[in-house]
Amino acid sequence: QVQLVESGGGLVQAGGSLRLSCAVSGRTAVGWFRQAPGKEREFVAAINWSGSITDYTDSVKGRFIISRDNAKNTVYLRMNSLKPEDKAVYYCAAANTRYSGSNQDAYDYWGQGTQVTVSS
């Protein structure tokens, strides 16, 4: 059983930065997803079990960085140049595979979510 604990959300002004953390028990594929009010949950970024493969949705490329420290059992999502449209609940997800990419159905475990609010 993989356990996920997210942290790091909060309120930030547009143009600011936040770093989300996801404590993951196990070297699994991890993805970050987000859900804005009234919208479906969408893919944000993914990383494989070793950290050698990453992927991002187009809207965050060049602004967000996903990384992991397996010694600390933690996956990070560094969010720079935040925009009001980045406001959402961000979820960390893990899969019993080495890499799962953007497919939400490929993830087996989900965190409780952390709120990110960006003021204009």
Protein backbone atom coordinates (compact mmCIF):
# COMPACT_ATOMS: atom_id res chain seq x y z
CA GLN A 1 0.00 0.00 0.00
CA VAL A 2 1.42 3.35 -1.08
CA GLN A 3 0.72 6.32 1.14
CA LEU A 4 0.78 9.88 -0.12
CA VAL A 5 0.94 13.06 1.93
CA GLU A 6 0.93 16.42 0.14
CA SER A 7 2.04 19.76 1.51
CA GLY A 8 3.12 23.21 0.35
CA GLY A 9 -0.04 24.76 -1.04
CA GLY A 10 -1.15 28.26 -0.18
CA LEU A 11 -1.87 31.76 -1.41
CA VAL A 12 0.60 33.54 -3.67
CA GLN A 13 0.53 36.59 -5.91
CA ALA A 14 0.69 36.22 -9.65
CA GLY A 15 4.29 35.84 -10.73
CA GLY A 16 5.24 34.20 -7.48
CA SER A 17 6.41 30.68 -6.69
CA LEU A 18 5.40 27.73 -4.57
CA ARG A 19 6.84 24.29 -4.02
CA LEU A 20 4.54 21.36 -3.43
CA SER A 21 5.81 18.23 -1.76
CA CYS A 22 4.44 14.72 -1.88
CA ALA A 23 5.74 12.15 0.60
CA VAL A 24 5.61 8.81 -1.18
CA SER A 25 6.32 5.46 0.44
CA GLY A 26 8.01 3.53 -2.34
CA ARG A 27 9.82 4.10 -5.62
CA THR A 28 6.76 4.41 -7.82
CA ALA A 29 5.75 6.51 -10.78
CA VAL A 30 4.27 9.79 -9.54
CA GLY A 31 2.08 12.39 -11.18
CA TRP A 32 0.68 15.75 -10.21
CA PHE A 33 -2.84 16.63 -11.27
CA ARG A 34 -5.05 19.62 -10.54
CA GLN A 35 -8.73 20.45 -10.45
CA ALA A 36 -10.05 23.96 -10.70
CA PRO A 37 -13.58 24.84 -9.56
CA GLY A 38 -16.15 23.67 -12.09
CA LYS A 39 -13.55 21.88 -14.19
CA GLU A 40 -12.38 18.32 -14.61
CA ARG A 41 -9.18 17.14 -13.02
CA GLU A 42 -6.27 17.53 -15.42
CA PHE A 43 -2.70 16.33 -15.75
CA VAL A 44 0.09 18.69 -14.70
CA ALA A 45 3.36 16.75 -14.55
CA ALA A 46 4.73 13.24 -14.16
CA ILE A 47 8.01 11.62 -13.19
CA ASN A 48 9.26 8.07 -13.37
CA TRP A 49 10.52 6.03 -10.45
CA SER A 50 14.16 7.13 -10.80
CA GLY A 51 13.60 10.73 -11.81
CA SER A 52 15.15 10.31 -15.25
CA ILE A 53 11.89 10.85 -17.18
CA THR A 54 9.54 13.80 -16.77
CA ASP A 55 6.57 15.16 -18.68
CA TYR A 56 4.45 18.29 -18.43
CA THR A 57 1.23 19.62 -19.79
CA ASP A 58 1.84 22.41 -22.28
CA SER A 59 0.43 25.17 -20.09
CA VAL A 60 3.09 24.68 -17.40
CA LYS A 61 6.15 23.86 -19.51
CA GLY A 62 8.98 26.22 -18.71
CA ARG A 63 7.33 27.28 -15.43
CA PHE A 64 6.90 24.09 -13.37
CA ILE A 65 9.55 21.54 -12.47
CA ILE A 66 8.85 18.06 -11.13
CA SER A 67 11.64 16.28 -9.29
CA ARG A 68 12.17 13.63 -6.66
CA ASP A 69 14.52 12.76 -3.85
CA ASN A 70 14.19 9.03 -3.28
CA ALA A 71 16.43 9.19 -0.21
CA LYS A 72 13.74 11.38 1.35
CA ASN A 73 10.81 9.54 -0.29
CA THR A 74 9.56 12.85 -1.61
CA VAL A 75 8.42 14.18 -4.97
CA TYR A 76 8.37 17.93 -5.54
CA LEU A 77 6.53 20.25 -7.87
CA ARG A 78 8.24 23.61 -8.10
CA MET A 79 5.82 26.15 -9.55
CA ASN A 80 7.27 29.42 -10.85
CA SER A 81 5.67 32.41 -12.59
CA LEU A 82 2.30 31.41 -11.23
CA LYS A 83 -0.79 32.70 -12.99
CA PRO A 84 -4.36 33.10 -11.72
CA GLU A 85 -5.37 30.23 -14.01
CA ASP A 86 -3.06 27.93 -12.02
CA LYS A 87 -5.45 28.18 -9.08
CA ALA A 88 -6.71 24.71 -8.25
CA VAL A 89 -6.53 21.83 -5.83
CA TYR A 90 -3.36 19.94 -6.65
CA TYR A 91 -3.24 16.19 -6.20
CA CYS A 92 -0.29 13.86 -6.01
CA ALA A 93 -0.84 10.37 -7.42
CA ALA A 94 1.28 7.23 -7.48
CA ALA A 95 1.20 4.10 -9.59
CA ASN A 96 2.50 0.58 -9.20
CA THR A 97 4.62 1.06 -12.30
CA ARG A 98 7.91 2.73 -13.16
CA TYR A 99 6.26 5.44 -15.27
CA SER A 100 2.60 6.29 -15.91
CA GLY A 101 2.61 9.64 -17.70
CA SER A 102 -0.53 11.71 -18.08
CA ASN A 103 -3.15 8.97 -17.89
CA GLN A 104 -5.11 9.40 -14.67
CA ASP A 105 -6.50 5.88 -14.90
CA ALA A 106 -2.96 4.51 -14.65
CA TYR A 107 -2.54 5.81 -11.12
CA ASP A 108 -3.52 3.62 -8.19
CA TYR A 109 -3.16 5.93 -5.21
CA TRP A 110 -4.16 9.54 -4.65
CA GLY A 111 -3.39 12.14 -2.02
CA GLN A 112 -5.93 14.32 -0.32
CA GLY A 113 -5.07 17.40 -2.36
CA THR A 114 -3.61 20.77 -1.46
CA GLN A 115 -5.10 24.14 -2.41
CA VAL A 116 -3.12 26.59 -4.52
CA THR A 117 -4.56 30.07 -4.90
CA VAL A 118 -3.00 32.73 -7.11
CA SER A 119 -4.15 36.31 -6.71
CA SER A 120 -3.98 38.76 -9.60
